[in-house]
């Protein structure tokens, strides 16, 4: 349905993953598809198509899933134990408590508190 070959889609997806891991643009709460496309030097329509077809998500679900992954990582770091869950969530790019809680539950099936209790419980077994 688009002009992108499978190889082009995979190349854009690889660049996207590299950008996510190295620069963590998702920590910017105001990140847009256009800004990310600009960072990758690809057309926003092509980036959107790649996220939809390869990641099987829309742009915002893709970004929020990265934010949740980053939150889980950061919340597990010993040096972050003194911070509130919400302050860690803001550092990961969420801009409101309700957005954080809604997306976290959508992705993990648990509230952030339930998830961390479960995680810490399994570490102590």
PDB file of N, CA and C in Angstrom:
ATOM      1  N   UNK A   1       0.808  -1.209   0.000  1.00  0.00           N
ATOM      2  CA  UNK A   1       0.000   0.000   0.000  1.00  0.00           C
ATOM      3  C   UNK A   1       0.845   1.265   0.000  1.00  0.00           C
ATOM      4  N   UNK A   2       2.177   1.115   0.137  1.00  0.00           N
ATOM      5  CA  UNK A   2       3.027   2.310   0.113  1.00  0.00           C
ATOM      6  C   UNK A   2       4.194   2.089  -0.822  1.00  0.00           C
ATOM      7  N   UNK A   3       4.974   3.134  -0.997  1.00  0.00           N
ATOM      8  CA  UNK A   3       6.115   3.046  -1.882  1.00  0.00           C
ATOM      9  C   UNK A   3       7.362   2.485  -1.222  1.00  0.00           C
ATOM     10  N   UNK A   4       7.293   2.134   0.050  1.00  0.00           N
ATOM     11  CA  UNK A   4       8.483   1.638   0.749  1.00  0.00           C
ATOM     12  C   UNK A   4       8.651   0.140   0.538  1.00  0.00           C
ATOM     13  N   UNK A   5       9.853  -0.250   0.176  1.00  0.00           N
ATOM     14  CA  UNK A   5      10.136  -1.683   0.078  1.00  0.00           C
ATOM     15  C   UNK A   5      10.306  -2.250   1.484  1.00  0.00           C
ATOM     16  N   UNK A   6      10.306  -3.574   1.599  1.00  0.00           N
ATOM     17  CA  UNK A   6      10.510  -4.191   2.911  1.00  0.00           C
ATOM     18  C   UNK A   6      11.866  -3.808   3.486  1.00  0.00           C
ATOM     19  N   UNK A   7      12.874  -3.746   2.617  1.00  0.00           N
ATOM     20  CA  UNK A   7      14.208  -3.374   3.088  1.00  0.00           C
ATOM     21  C   UNK A   7      14.225  -1.932   3.605  1.00  0.00           C
ATOM     22  N   UNK A   8      13.566  -1.028   2.867  1.00  0.00           N
ATOM     23  CA  UNK A   8      13.501   0.367   3.318  1.00  0.00           C
ATOM     24  C   UNK A   8      12.783   0.462   4.665  1.00  0.00           C
ATOM     25  N   UNK A   9      11.689  -0.291   4.807  1.00  0.00           N
ATOM     26  CA  UNK A   9      10.969  -0.294   6.081  1.00  0.00           C
ATOM     27  C   UNK A   9      11.880  -0.796   7.199  1.00  0.00           C
ATOM     28  N   UNK A  10      12.602  -1.871   6.933  1.00  0.00           N
ATOM     29  CA  UNK A  10      13.482  -2.432   7.956  1.00  0.00           C
ATOM     30  C   UNK A  10      14.614  -1.467   8.296  1.00  0.00           C
ATOM     31  N   UNK A  11      15.155  -0.784   7.276  1.00  0.00           N
ATOM     32  CA  UNK A  11      16.222   0.199   7.522  1.00  0.00           C
ATOM     33  C   UNK A  11      15.731   1.334   8.415  1.00  0.00           C
ATOM     34  N   UNK A  12      14.536   1.843   8.117  1.00  0.00           N
ATOM     35  CA  UNK A  12      13.969   2.925   8.934  1.00  0.00           C
ATOM     36  C   UNK A  12      13.715   2.417  10.352  1.00  0.00           C
ATOM     37  N   UNK A  13      13.200   1.193  10.468  1.00  0.00           N
ATOM     38  CA  UNK A  13      12.933   0.618  11.791  1.00  0.00           C
ATOM     39  C   UNK A  13      14.226   0.464  12.582  1.00  0.00           C
ATOM     40  N   UNK A  14      15.292   0.029  11.928  1.00  0.00           N
ATOM     41  CA  UNK A  14      16.594  -0.120  12.593  1.00  0.00           C
ATOM     42  C   UNK A  14      17.110   1.242  13.072  1.00  0.00           C
ATOM     43  N   UNK A  15      16.993   2.269  12.207  1.00  0.00           N
ATOM     44  CA  UNK A  15      17.423   3.621  12.589  1.00  0.00           C
ATOM     45  C   UNK A  15      16.592   4.118  13.773  1.00  0.00           C
ATOM     46  N   UNK A  16      15.291   3.837  13.735  1.00  0.00           N
ATOM     47  CA  UNK A  16      14.387   4.246  14.806  1.00  0.00           C
ATOM     48  C   UNK A  16      14.801   3.605  16.134  1.00  0.00           C
ATOM     49  N   UNK A  17      15.077   2.309  16.116  1.00  0.00           N
ATOM     50  CA  UNK A  17      15.490   1.625  17.344  1.00  0.00           C
ATOM     51  C   UNK A  17      16.814   2.168  17.872  1.00  0.00           C
ATOM     52  N   UNK A  18      17.747   2.441  16.964  1.00  0.00           N
ATOM     53  CA  UNK A  18      19.034   3.025  17.383  1.00  0.00           C
ATOM     54  C   UNK A  18      18.818   4.377  18.057  1.00  0.00           C
ATOM     55  N   UNK A  19      17.997   5.210  17.419  1.00  0.00           N
ATOM     56  CA  UNK A  19      17.688   6.528  17.971  1.00  0.00           C
ATOM     57  C   UNK A  19      17.055   6.392  19.362  1.00  0.00           C
ATOM     58  N   UNK A  20      16.119   5.469  19.490  1.00  0.00           N
ATOM     59  CA  UNK A  20      15.428   5.255  20.773  1.00  0.00           C
ATOM     60  C   UNK A  20      16.422   4.871  21.872  1.00  0.00           C
ATOM     61  N   UNK A  21      17.351   3.971  21.545  1.00  0.00           N
ATOM     62  CA  UNK A  21      18.292   3.473  22.551  1.00  0.00           C
ATOM     63  C   UNK A  21      19.373   4.493  22.885  1.00  0.00           C
ATOM     64  N   UNK A  22      19.866   5.204  21.868  1.00  0.00           N
ATOM     65  CA  UNK A  22      21.004   6.094  22.088  1.00  0.00           C
ATOM     66  C   UNK A  22      20.585   7.477  22.586  1.00  0.00           C
ATOM     67  N   UNK A  23      19.541   8.053  22.010  1.00  0.00           N
ATOM     68  CA  UNK A  23      19.182   9.436  22.330  1.00  0.00           C
ATOM     69  C   UNK A  23      17.950   9.555  23.227  1.00  0.00           C
ATOM     70  N   UNK A  24      17.158   8.489  23.280  1.00  0.00           N
ATOM     71  CA  UNK A  24      15.934   8.465  24.102  1.00  0.00           C
ATOM     72  C   UNK A  24      15.045   9.695  23.878  1.00  0.00           C
ATOM     73  N   UNK A  25      14.653   9.954  22.613  1.00  0.00           N
ATOM     74  CA  UNK A  25      13.826  11.137  22.340  1.00  0.00           C
ATOM     75  C   UNK A  25      12.461  11.076  23.030  1.00  0.00           C
ATOM     76  N   UNK A  26      12.026   9.873  23.405  1.00  0.00           N
ATOM     77  CA  UNK A  26      10.716   9.715  24.055  1.00  0.00           C
ATOM     78  C   UNK A  26      10.658  10.378  25.432  1.00  0.00           C
ATOM     79  N   UNK A  27      11.834  10.761  25.988  1.00  0.00           N
ATOM     80  CA  UNK A  27      11.825  11.451  27.282  1.00  0.00           C
ATOM     81  C   UNK A  27      11.351  12.905  27.145  1.00  0.00           C
ATOM     82  N   UNK A  28      11.229  13.392  25.910  1.00  0.00           N
ATOM     83  CA  UNK A  28      10.640  14.713  25.662  1.00  0.00           C
ATOM     84  C   UNK A  28       9.124  14.537  25.651  1.00  0.00           C
ATOM     85  N   UNK A  29       8.420  15.117  26.644  1.00  0.00           N
ATOM     86  CA  UNK A  29       6.966  14.919  26.709  1.00  0.00           C
ATOM     87  C   UNK A  29       6.209  15.514  25.523  1.00  0.00           C
ATOM     88  N   UNK A  30       6.835  16.432  24.793  1.00  0.00           N
ATOM     89  CA  UNK A  30       6.169  17.091  23.664  1.00  0.00           C
ATOM     90  C   UNK A  30       6.596  16.525  22.306  1.00  0.00           C
ATOM     91  N   UNK A  31       7.247  15.374  22.312  1.00  0.00           N
ATOM     92  CA  UNK A  31       7.743  14.771  21.073  1.00  0.00           C
ATOM     93  C   UNK A  31       6.605  14.533  20.081  1.00  0.00           C
ATOM     94  N   UNK A  32       6.866  14.880  18.832  1.00  0.00           N
ATOM     95  CA  UNK A  32       5.879  14.631  17.771  1.00  0.00           C
ATOM     96  C   UNK A  32       6.476  13.702  16.719  1.00  0.00           C
ATOM     97  N   UNK A  33       5.588  13.123  15.940  1.00  0.00           N
ATOM     98  CA  UNK A  33       6.016  12.276  14.827  1.00  0.00           C
ATOM     99  C   UNK A  33       6.906  13.076  13.877  1.00  0.00           C
ATOM    100  N   UNK A  34       6.526  14.322  13.615  1.00  0.00           N
ATOM    101  CA  UNK A  34       7.298  15.176  12.705  1.00  0.00           C
ATOM    102  C   UNK A  34       8.723  15.401  13.194  1.00  0.00           C
ATOM    103  N   UNK A  35       8.874  15.661  14.494  1.00  0.00           N
ATOM    104  CA  UNK A  35      10.219  15.870  15.052  1.00  0.00           C
ATOM    105  C   UNK A  35      11.070  14.610  14.933  1.00  0.00           C
ATOM    106  N   UNK A  36      10.453  13.477  15.220  1.00  0.00           N
ATOM    107  CA  UNK A  36      11.222  12.240  15.131  1.00  0.00           C
ATOM    108  C   UNK A  36      11.608  11.918  13.689  1.00  0.00           C
ATOM    109  N   UNK A  37      10.687  12.176  12.780  1.00  0.00           N
ATOM    110  CA  UNK A  37      10.981  11.945  11.359  1.00  0.00           C
ATOM    111  C   UNK A  37      12.143  12.831  10.932  1.00  0.00           C
ATOM    112  N   UNK A  38      12.148  14.071  11.424  1.00  0.00           N
ATOM    113  CA  UNK A  38      13.229  15.006  11.112  1.00  0.00           C
ATOM    114  C   UNK A  38      14.564  14.482  11.650  1.00  0.00           C
ATOM    115  N   UNK A  39      14.563  13.982  12.881  1.00  0.00           N
ATOM    116  CA  UNK A  39      15.791  13.443  13.474  1.00  0.00           C
ATOM    117  C   UNK A  39      16.330  12.266  12.658  1.00  0.00           C
ATOM    118  N   UNK A  40      15.412  11.498  12.069  1.00  0.00           N
ATOM    119  CA  UNK A  40      15.818  10.324  11.289  1.00  0.00           C
ATOM    120  C   UNK A  40      16.011  10.645   9.812  1.00  0.00           C
ATOM    121  N   UNK A  41      15.653  11.872   9.417  1.00  0.00           N
ATOM    122  CA  UNK A  41      15.737  12.299   8.023  1.00  0.00           C
ATOM    123  C   UNK A  41      14.877  11.417   7.112  1.00  0.00           C
ATOM    124  N   UNK A  42      13.654  11.165   7.562  1.00  0.00           N
ATOM    125  CA  UNK A  42      12.684  10.430   6.734  1.00  0.00           C
ATOM    126  C   UNK A  42      11.367  11.200   6.737  1.00  0.00           C
ATOM    127  N   UNK A  43      10.536  10.936   5.756  1.00  0.00           N
ATOM    128  CA  UNK A  43       9.238  11.609   5.676  1.00  0.00           C
ATOM    129  C   UNK A  43       8.339  11.091   6.809  1.00  0.00           C
ATOM    130  N   UNK A  44       7.594  11.994   7.478  1.00  0.00           N
ATOM    131  CA  UNK A  44       6.715  11.559   8.573  1.00  0.00           C
ATOM    132  C   UNK A  44       5.749  10.440   8.177  1.00  0.00           C
ATOM    133  N   UNK A  45       5.230  10.476   6.942  1.00  0.00           N
ATOM    134  CA  UNK A  45       4.322   9.409   6.501  1.00  0.00           C
ATOM    135  C   UNK A  45       5.027   8.058   6.479  1.00  0.00           C
ATOM    136  N   UNK A  46       6.299   8.064   6.036  1.00  0.00           N
ATOM    137  CA  UNK A  46       7.055   6.805   5.991  1.00  0.00           C
ATOM    138  C   UNK A  46       7.335   6.296   7.402  1.00  0.00           C
ATOM    139  N   UNK A  47       7.697   7.212   8.301  1.00  0.00           N
ATOM    140  CA  UNK A  47       7.962   6.806   9.681  1.00  0.00           C
ATOM    141  C   UNK A  47       6.698   6.238  10.320  1.00  0.00           C
ATOM    142  N   UNK A  48       5.586   6.920  10.102  1.00  0.00           N
ATOM    143  CA  UNK A  48       4.309   6.459  10.647  1.00  0.00           C
ATOM    144  C   UNK A  48       3.975   5.067  10.126  1.00  0.00           C
ATOM    145  N   UNK A  49       4.183   4.863   8.841  1.00  0.00           N
ATOM    146  CA  UNK A  49       3.893   3.566   8.237  1.00  0.00           C
ATOM    147  C   UNK A  49       4.768   2.472   8.837  1.00  0.00           C
ATOM    148  N   UNK A  50       6.053   2.775   9.048  1.00  0.00           N
ATOM    149  CA  UNK A  50       6.980   1.794   9.614  1.00  0.00           C
ATOM    150  C   UNK A  50       6.562   1.426  11.044  1.00  0.00           C
ATOM    151  N   UNK A  51       6.229   2.438  11.828  1.00  0.00           N
ATOM    152  CA  UNK A  51       5.804   2.159  13.207  1.00  0.00           C
ATOM    153  C   UNK A  51       4.529   1.317  13.191  1.00  0.00           C
ATOM    154  N   UNK A  52       3.584   1.678  12.332  1.00  0.00           N
ATOM    155  CA  UNK A  52       2.325   0.925  12.252  1.00  0.00           C
ATOM    156  C   UNK A  52       2.536  -0.510  11.802  1.00  0.00           C
ATOM    157  N   UNK A  53       3.358  -0.702  10.775  1.00  0.00           N
ATOM    158  CA  UNK A  53       3.476  -2.050  10.207  1.00  0.00           C
ATOM    159  C   UNK A  53       4.505  -2.909  10.933  1.00  0.00           C
ATOM    160  N   UNK A  54       5.647  -2.342  11.288  1.00  0.00           N
ATOM    161  CA  UNK A  54       6.697  -3.149  11.911  1.00  0.00           C
ATOM    162  C   UNK A  54       6.468  -3.289  13.420  1.00  0.00           C
ATOM    163  N   UNK A  55       6.153  -2.189  14.080  1.00  0.00           N
ATOM    164  CA  UNK A  55       5.948  -2.238  15.536  1.00  0.00           C
ATOM    165  C   UNK A  55       4.503  -2.597  15.891  1.00  0.00           C
ATOM    166  N   UNK A  56       3.620  -2.583  14.902  1.00  0.00           N
ATOM    167  CA  UNK A  56       2.204  -2.907  15.123  1.00  0.00           C
ATOM    168  C   UNK A  56       1.548  -1.972  16.147  1.00  0.00           C
ATOM    169  N   UNK A  57       1.948  -0.710  16.141  1.00  0.00           N
ATOM    170  CA  UNK A  57       1.402   0.284  17.072  1.00  0.00           C
ATOM    171  C   UNK A  57       1.289   1.609  16.342  1.00  0.00           C
ATOM    172  N   UNK A  58       0.462   2.517  16.883  1.00  0.00           N
ATOM    173  CA  UNK A  58       0.501   3.868  16.358  1.00  0.00           C
ATOM    174  C   UNK A  58       1.644   4.614  17.045  1.00  0.00           C
ATOM    175  N   UNK A  59       1.925   5.813  16.575  1.00  0.00           N
ATOM    176  CA  UNK A  59       3.071   6.569  17.079  1.00  0.00           C
ATOM    177  C   UNK A  59       3.015   6.739  18.589  1.00  0.00           C
ATOM    178  N   UNK A  60       1.859   7.163  19.118  1.00  0.00           N
ATOM    179  CA  UNK A  60       1.782   7.458  20.550  1.00  0.00           C
ATOM    180  C   UNK A  60       1.887   6.194  21.403  1.00  0.00           C
ATOM    181  N   UNK A  61       1.306   5.099  20.936  1.00  0.00           N
ATOM    182  CA  UNK A  61       1.447   3.839  21.682  1.00  0.00           C
ATOM    183  C   UNK A  61       2.909   3.372  21.658  1.00  0.00           C
ATOM    184  N   UNK A  62       3.560   3.565  20.521  1.00  0.00           N
ATOM    185  CA  UNK A  62       4.978   3.195  20.399  1.00  0.00           C
ATOM    186  C   UNK A  62       5.826   3.995  21.388  1.00  0.00           C
ATOM    187  N   UNK A  63       5.627   5.316  21.403  1.00  0.00           N
ATOM    188  CA  UNK A  63       6.397   6.197  22.288  1.00  0.00           C
ATOM    189  C   UNK A  63       6.094   5.872  23.753  1.00  0.00           C
ATOM    190  N   UNK A  64       4.821   5.696  24.077  1.00  0.00           N
ATOM    191  CA  UNK A  64       4.467   5.408  25.465  1.00  0.00           C
ATOM    192  C   UNK A  64       4.981   4.057  25.928  1.00  0.00           C
ATOM    193  N   UNK A  65       5.070   3.097  25.019  1.00  0.00           N
ATOM    194  CA  UNK A  65       5.630   1.796  25.424  1.00  0.00           C
ATOM    195  C   UNK A  65       7.125   1.949  25.736  1.00  0.00           C
ATOM    196  N   UNK A  66       7.816   2.803  24.988  1.00  0.00           N
ATOM    197  CA  UNK A  66       9.227   3.077  25.287  1.00  0.00           C
ATOM    198  C   UNK A  66       9.372   3.785  26.629  1.00  0.00           C
ATOM    199  N   UNK A  67       8.444   4.703  26.899  1.00  0.00           N
ATOM    200  CA  UNK A  67       8.477   5.419  28.181  1.00  0.00           C
ATOM    201  C   UNK A  67       8.262   4.450  29.345  1.00  0.00           C
ATOM    202  N   UNK A  68       7.327   3.526  29.176  1.00  0.00           N
ATOM    203  CA  UNK A  68       7.061   2.543  30.236  1.00  0.00           C
ATOM    204  C   UNK A  68       8.290   1.650  30.439  1.00  0.00           C
ATOM    205  N   UNK A  69       8.906   1.189  29.348  1.00  0.00           N
ATOM    206  CA  UNK A  69      10.138   0.378  29.464  1.00  0.00           C
ATOM    207  C   UNK A  69      11.214   1.146  30.222  1.00  0.00           C
ATOM    208  N   UNK A  70      11.373   2.415  29.882  1.00  0.00           N
ATOM    209  CA  UNK A  70      12.386   3.244  30.541  1.00  0.00           C
ATOM    210  C   UNK A  70      12.043   3.431  32.017  1.00  0.00           C
ATOM    211  N   UNK A  71      10.758   3.639  32.303  1.00  0.00           N
ATOM    212  CA  UNK A  71      10.337   3.780  33.698  1.00  0.00           C
ATOM    213  C   UNK A  71      10.685   2.518  34.491  1.00  0.00           C
ATOM    214  N   UNK A  72      10.363   1.353  33.937  1.00  0.00           N
ATOM    215  CA  UNK A  72      10.626   0.087  34.635  1.00  0.00           C
ATOM    216  C   UNK A  72      12.127  -0.052  34.895  1.00  0.00           C
ATOM    217  N   UNK A  73      12.929   0.303  33.896  1.00  0.00           N
ATOM    218  CA  UNK A  73      14.383   0.240  34.072  1.00  0.00           C
ATOM    219  C   UNK A  73      14.832   1.209  35.167  1.00  0.00           C
ATOM    220  N   UNK A  74      14.408   2.479  35.054  1.00  0.00           N
ATOM    221  CA  UNK A  74      14.849   3.508  36.009  1.00  0.00           C
ATOM    222  C   UNK A  74      14.362   3.215  37.423  1.00  0.00           C
ATOM    223  N   UNK A  75      13.126   2.742  37.564  1.00  0.00           N
ATOM    224  CA  UNK A  75      12.558   2.462  38.887  1.00  0.00           C
ATOM    225  C   UNK A  75      13.304   1.310  39.560  1.00  0.00           C
ATOM    226  N   UNK A  76      13.949   0.463  38.762  1.00  0.00           N
ATOM    227  CA  UNK A  76      14.694  -0.660  39.308  1.00  0.00           C
ATOM    228  C   UNK A  76      16.125  -0.329  39.699  1.00  0.00           C
ATOM    229  N   UNK A  77      16.576   0.879  39.378  1.00  0.00           N
ATOM    230  CA  UNK A  77      17.956   1.266  39.681  1.00  0.00           C
ATOM    231  C   UNK A  77      18.074   1.693  41.142  1.00  0.00           C
ATOM    232  N   UNK A  78      19.052   1.137  41.873  1.00  0.00           N
ATOM    233  CA  UNK A  78      19.194   1.481  43.296  1.00  0.00           C
ATOM    234  C   UNK A  78      19.318   2.986  43.542  1.00  0.00           C
ATOM    235  N   UNK A  79      19.989   3.714  42.651  1.00  0.00           N
ATOM    236  CA  UNK A  79      20.195   5.150  42.871  1.00  0.00           C
ATOM    237  C   UNK A  79      18.892   5.952  42.738  1.00  0.00           C
ATOM    238  N   UNK A  80      17.835   5.325  42.206  1.00  0.00           N
ATOM    239  CA  UNK A  80      16.566   6.033  42.030  1.00  0.00           C
ATOM    240  C   UNK A  80      15.539   5.687  43.102  1.00  0.00           C
ATOM    241  N   UNK A  81      15.935   4.898  44.099  1.00  0.00           N
ATOM    242  CA  UNK A  81      14.975   4.453  45.110  1.00  0.00           C
ATOM    243  C   UNK A  81      14.415   5.601  45.950  1.00  0.00           C
ATOM    244  N   UNK A  82      15.128   6.728  46.023  1.00  0.00           N
ATOM    245  CA  UNK A  82      14.661   7.856  46.828  1.00  0.00           C
ATOM    246  C   UNK A  82      13.651   8.730  46.089  1.00  0.00           C
ATOM    247  N   UNK A  83      13.464   8.488  44.781  1.00  0.00           N
ATOM    248  CA  UNK A  83      12.554   9.318  43.992  1.00  0.00           C
ATOM    249  C   UNK A  83      11.149   8.723  43.999  1.00  0.00           C
ATOM    250  N   UNK A  84      10.139   9.593  43.870  1.00  0.00           N
ATOM    251  CA  UNK A  84       8.773   9.085  43.755  1.00  0.00           C
ATOM    252  C   UNK A  84       8.580   8.461  42.377  1.00  0.00           C
ATOM    253  N   UNK A  85       7.592   7.561  42.293  1.00  0.00           N
ATOM    254  CA  UNK A  85       7.294   6.940  41.000  1.00  0.00           C
ATOM    255  C   UNK A  85       6.929   8.008  39.978  1.00  0.00           C
ATOM    256  N   UNK A  86       6.194   9.032  40.425  1.00  0.00           N
ATOM    257  CA  UNK A  86       5.768  10.072  39.502  1.00  0.00           C
ATOM    258  C   UNK A  86       6.951  10.893  38.986  1.00  0.00           C
ATOM    259  N   UNK A  87       7.926  11.175  39.857  1.00  0.00           N
ATOM    260  CA  UNK A  87       9.084  11.950  39.379  1.00  0.00           C
ATOM    261  C   UNK A  87       9.880  11.131  38.359  1.00  0.00           C
ATOM    262  N   UNK A  88       9.970   9.829  38.549  1.00  0.00           N
ATOM    263  CA  UNK A  88      10.646   8.963  37.562  1.00  0.00           C
ATOM    264  C   UNK A  88       9.841   8.949  36.260  1.00  0.00           C
ATOM    265  N   UNK A  89       8.523   8.874  36.385  1.00  0.00           N
ATOM    266  CA  UNK A  89       7.659   8.874  35.190  1.00  0.00           C
ATOM    267  C   UNK A  89       7.845  10.149  34.375  1.00  0.00           C
ATOM    268  N   UNK A  90       7.935  11.299  35.070  1.00  0.00           N
ATOM    269  CA  UNK A  90       8.158  12.565  34.360  1.00  0.00           C
ATOM    270  C   UNK A  90       9.508  12.557  33.646  1.00  0.00           C
ATOM    271  N   UNK A  91      10.527  12.009  34.292  1.00  0.00           N
ATOM    272  CA  UNK A  91      11.863  11.907  33.664  1.00  0.00           C
ATOM    273  C   UNK A  91      11.817  11.045  32.401  1.00  0.00           C
ATOM    274  N   UNK A  92      10.892  10.099  32.357  1.00  0.00           N
ATOM    275  CA  UNK A  92      10.780   9.183  31.212  1.00  0.00           C
ATOM    276  C   UNK A  92       9.911   9.752  30.091  1.00  0.00           C
ATOM    277  N   UNK A  93       9.363  10.955  30.302  1.00  0.00           N
ATOM    278  CA  UNK A  93       8.632  11.620  29.225  1.00  0.00           C
ATOM    279  C   UNK A  93       7.130  11.746  29.426  1.00  0.00           C
ATOM    280  N   UNK A  94       6.589  11.143  30.476  1.00  0.00           N
ATOM    281  CA  UNK A  94       5.158  11.322  30.723  1.00  0.00           C
ATOM    282  C   UNK A  94       4.929  12.735  31.240  1.00  0.00           C
ATOM    283  N   UNK A  95       3.788  13.330  30.868  1.00  0.00           N
ATOM    284  CA  UNK A  95       3.549  14.707  31.303  1.00  0.00           C
ATOM    285  C   UNK A  95       2.392  14.838  32.279  1.00  0.00           C
ATOM    286  N   UNK A  96       1.798  13.713  32.674  1.00  0.00           N
ATOM    287  CA  UNK A  96       0.763  13.759  33.709  1.00  0.00           C
ATOM    288  C   UNK A  96       0.665  12.409  34.402  1.00  0.00           C
ATOM    289  N   UNK A  97       0.190  12.460  35.633  1.00  0.00           N
ATOM    290  CA  UNK A  97       0.028  11.231  36.408  1.00  0.00           C
ATOM    291  C   UNK A  97      -0.999  10.315  35.743  1.00  0.00           C
ATOM    292  N   UNK A  98      -2.105  10.896  35.253  1.00  0.00           N
ATOM    293  CA  UNK A  98      -3.165  10.073  34.656  1.00  0.00           C
ATOM    294  C   UNK A  98      -2.676   9.392  33.368  1.00  0.00           C
ATOM    295  N   UNK A  99      -1.936  10.117  32.555  1.00  0.00           N
ATOM    296  CA  UNK A  99      -1.392   9.534  31.326  1.00  0.00           C
ATOM    297  C   UNK A  99      -0.418   8.403  31.652  1.00  0.00           C
ATOM    298  N   UNK A 100       0.426   8.635  32.647  1.00  0.00           N
ATOM    299  CA  UNK A 100       1.381   7.608  33.069  1.00  0.00           C
ATOM    300  C   UNK A 100       0.651   6.359  33.551  1.00  0.00           C
ATOM    301  N   UNK A 101      -0.286   6.534  34.485  1.00  0.00           N
ATOM    302  CA  UNK A 101      -1.001   5.382  35.043  1.00  0.00           C
ATOM    303  C   UNK A 101      -1.794   4.631  33.978  1.00  0.00           C
ATOM    304  N   UNK A 102      -2.476   5.366  33.099  1.00  0.00           N
ATOM    305  CA  UNK A 102      -3.290   4.740  32.047  1.00  0.00           C
ATOM    306  C   UNK A 102      -2.418   3.920  31.095  1.00  0.00           C
ATOM    307  N   UNK A 103      -1.321   4.529  30.634  1.00  0.00           N
ATOM    308  CA  UNK A 103      -0.446   3.836  29.688  1.00  0.00           C
ATOM    309  C   UNK A 103       0.292   2.675  30.344  1.00  0.00           C
ATOM    310  N   UNK A 104       0.697   2.852  31.582  1.00  0.00           N
ATOM    311  CA  UNK A 104       1.409   1.784  32.278  1.00  0.00           C
ATOM    312  C   UNK A 104       0.503   0.564  32.413  1.00  0.00           C
ATOM    313  N   UNK A 105      -0.748   0.796  32.844  1.00  0.00           N
ATOM    314  CA  UNK A 105      -1.687  -0.317  33.018  1.00  0.00           C
ATOM    315  C   UNK A 105      -2.009  -0.970  31.669  1.00  0.00           C
ATOM    316  N   UNK A 106      -2.154  -0.149  30.632  1.00  0.00           N
ATOM    317  CA  UNK A 106      -2.469  -0.663  29.285  1.00  0.00           C
ATOM    318  C   UNK A 106      -1.353  -1.604  28.809  1.00  0.00           C
ATOM    319  N   UNK A 107      -0.108  -1.255  29.104  1.00  0.00           N
ATOM    320  CA  UNK A 107       1.036  -2.011  28.594  1.00  0.00           C
ATOM    321  C   UNK A 107       1.380  -3.218  29.478  1.00  0.00           C
ATOM    322  N   UNK A 108       1.323  -3.041  30.804  1.00  0.00           N
ATOM    323  CA  UNK A 108       1.750  -4.124  31.704  1.00  0.00           C
ATOM    324  C   UNK A 108       0.585  -4.911  32.307  1.00  0.00           C
ATOM    325  N   UNK A 109      -0.622  -4.323  32.288  1.00  0.00           N
ATOM    326  CA  UNK A 109      -1.761  -4.966  32.926  1.00  0.00           C
ATOM    327  C   UNK A 109      -1.832  -4.702  34.427  1.00  0.00           C
ATOM    328  N   UNK A 110      -0.885  -3.956  34.955  1.00  0.00           N
ATOM    329  CA  UNK A 110      -0.835  -3.649  36.387  1.00  0.00           C
ATOM    330  C   UNK A 110      -0.638  -2.150  36.591  1.00  0.00           C
ATOM    331  N   UNK A 111      -0.977  -1.668  37.780  1.00  0.00           N
ATOM    332  CA  UNK A 111      -0.629  -0.290  38.113  1.00  0.00           C
ATOM    333  C   UNK A 111       0.875  -0.250  38.370  1.00  0.00           C
ATOM    334  N   UNK A 112       1.498   0.931  38.302  1.00  0.00           N
ATOM    335  CA  UNK A 112       2.943   1.004  38.584  1.00  0.00           C
ATOM    336  C   UNK A 112       3.297   0.448  39.958  1.00  0.00           C
ATOM    337  N   UNK A 113       2.491   0.752  40.966  1.00  0.00           N
ATOM    338  CA  UNK A 113       2.769   0.265  42.318  1.00  0.00           C
ATOM    339  C   UNK A 113       2.666  -1.256  42.385  1.00  0.00           C
ATOM    340  N   UNK A 114       1.604  -1.805  41.788  1.00  0.00           N
ATOM    341  CA  UNK A 114       1.437  -3.273  41.772  1.00  0.00           C
ATOM    342  C   UNK A 114       2.606  -3.932  41.047  1.00  0.00           C
ATOM    343  N   UNK A 115       2.985  -3.343  39.925  1.00  0.00           N
ATOM    344  CA  UNK A 115       4.076  -3.904  39.127  1.00  0.00           C
ATOM    345  C   UNK A 115       5.371  -3.946  39.941  1.00  0.00           C
ATOM    346  N   UNK A 116       5.694  -2.836  40.594  1.00  0.00           N
ATOM    347  CA  UNK A 116       6.948  -2.769  41.344  1.00  0.00           C
ATOM    348  C   UNK A 116       6.923  -3.674  42.572  1.00  0.00           C
ATOM    349  N   UNK A 117       5.763  -3.796  43.219  1.00  0.00           N
ATOM    350  CA  UNK A 117       5.650  -4.733  44.346  1.00  0.00           C
ATOM    351  C   UNK A 117       5.904  -6.147  43.861  1.00  0.00           C
ATOM    352  N   UNK A 118       5.284  -6.485  42.737  1.00  0.00           N
ATOM    353  CA  UNK A 118       5.456  -7.814  42.138  1.00  0.00           C
ATOM    354  C   UNK A 118       6.921  -8.051  41.781  1.00  0.00           C
ATOM    355  N   UNK A 119       7.551  -7.036  41.158  1.00  0.00           N
ATOM    356  CA  UNK A 119       8.938  -7.133  40.743  1.00  0.00           C
ATOM    357  C   UNK A 119       9.852  -7.305  41.963  1.00  0.00           C
ATOM    358  N   UNK A 120       9.669  -6.473  42.965  1.00  0.00           N
ATOM    359  CA  UNK A 120      10.523  -6.554  44.164  1.00  0.00           C
ATOM    360  C   UNK A 120      10.254  -7.840  44.914  1.00  0.00           C
ATOM    361  N   UNK A 121       9.018  -8.305  44.914  1.00  0.00           N
ATOM    362  CA  UNK A 121       8.677  -9.571  45.558  1.00  0.00           C
ATOM    363  C   UNK A 121       9.393 -10.730  44.900  1.00  0.00           C
ATOM    364  N   UNK A 122       9.441 -10.738  43.585  1.00  0.00           N
ATOM    365  CA  UNK A 122      10.090 -11.846  42.888  1.00  0.00           C
ATOM    366  C   UNK A 122      11.609 -11.778  43.023  1.00  0.00           C
ATOM    367  N   UNK A 123      12.153 -10.576  43.268  1.00  0.00           N
ATOM    368  CA  UNK A 123      13.594 -10.455  43.485  1.00  0.00           C
ATOM    369  C   UNK A 123      13.997 -11.006  44.852  1.00  0.00           C
ATOM    370  N   UNK A 124      13.053 -10.962  45.799  1.00  0.00           N
ATOM    371  CA  UNK A 124      13.365 -11.404  47.163  1.00  0.00           C
ATOM    372  C   UNK A 124      13.066 -12.879  47.386  1.00  0.00           C
ATOM    373  N   UNK A 125      12.521 -13.570  46.395  1.00  0.00           N
ATOM    374  CA  UNK A 125      12.199 -15.004  46.546  1.00  0.00           C
ATOM    375  C   UNK A 125      13.441 -15.863  46.550  1.00  0.00           C
TER     376      UNK A 125
END
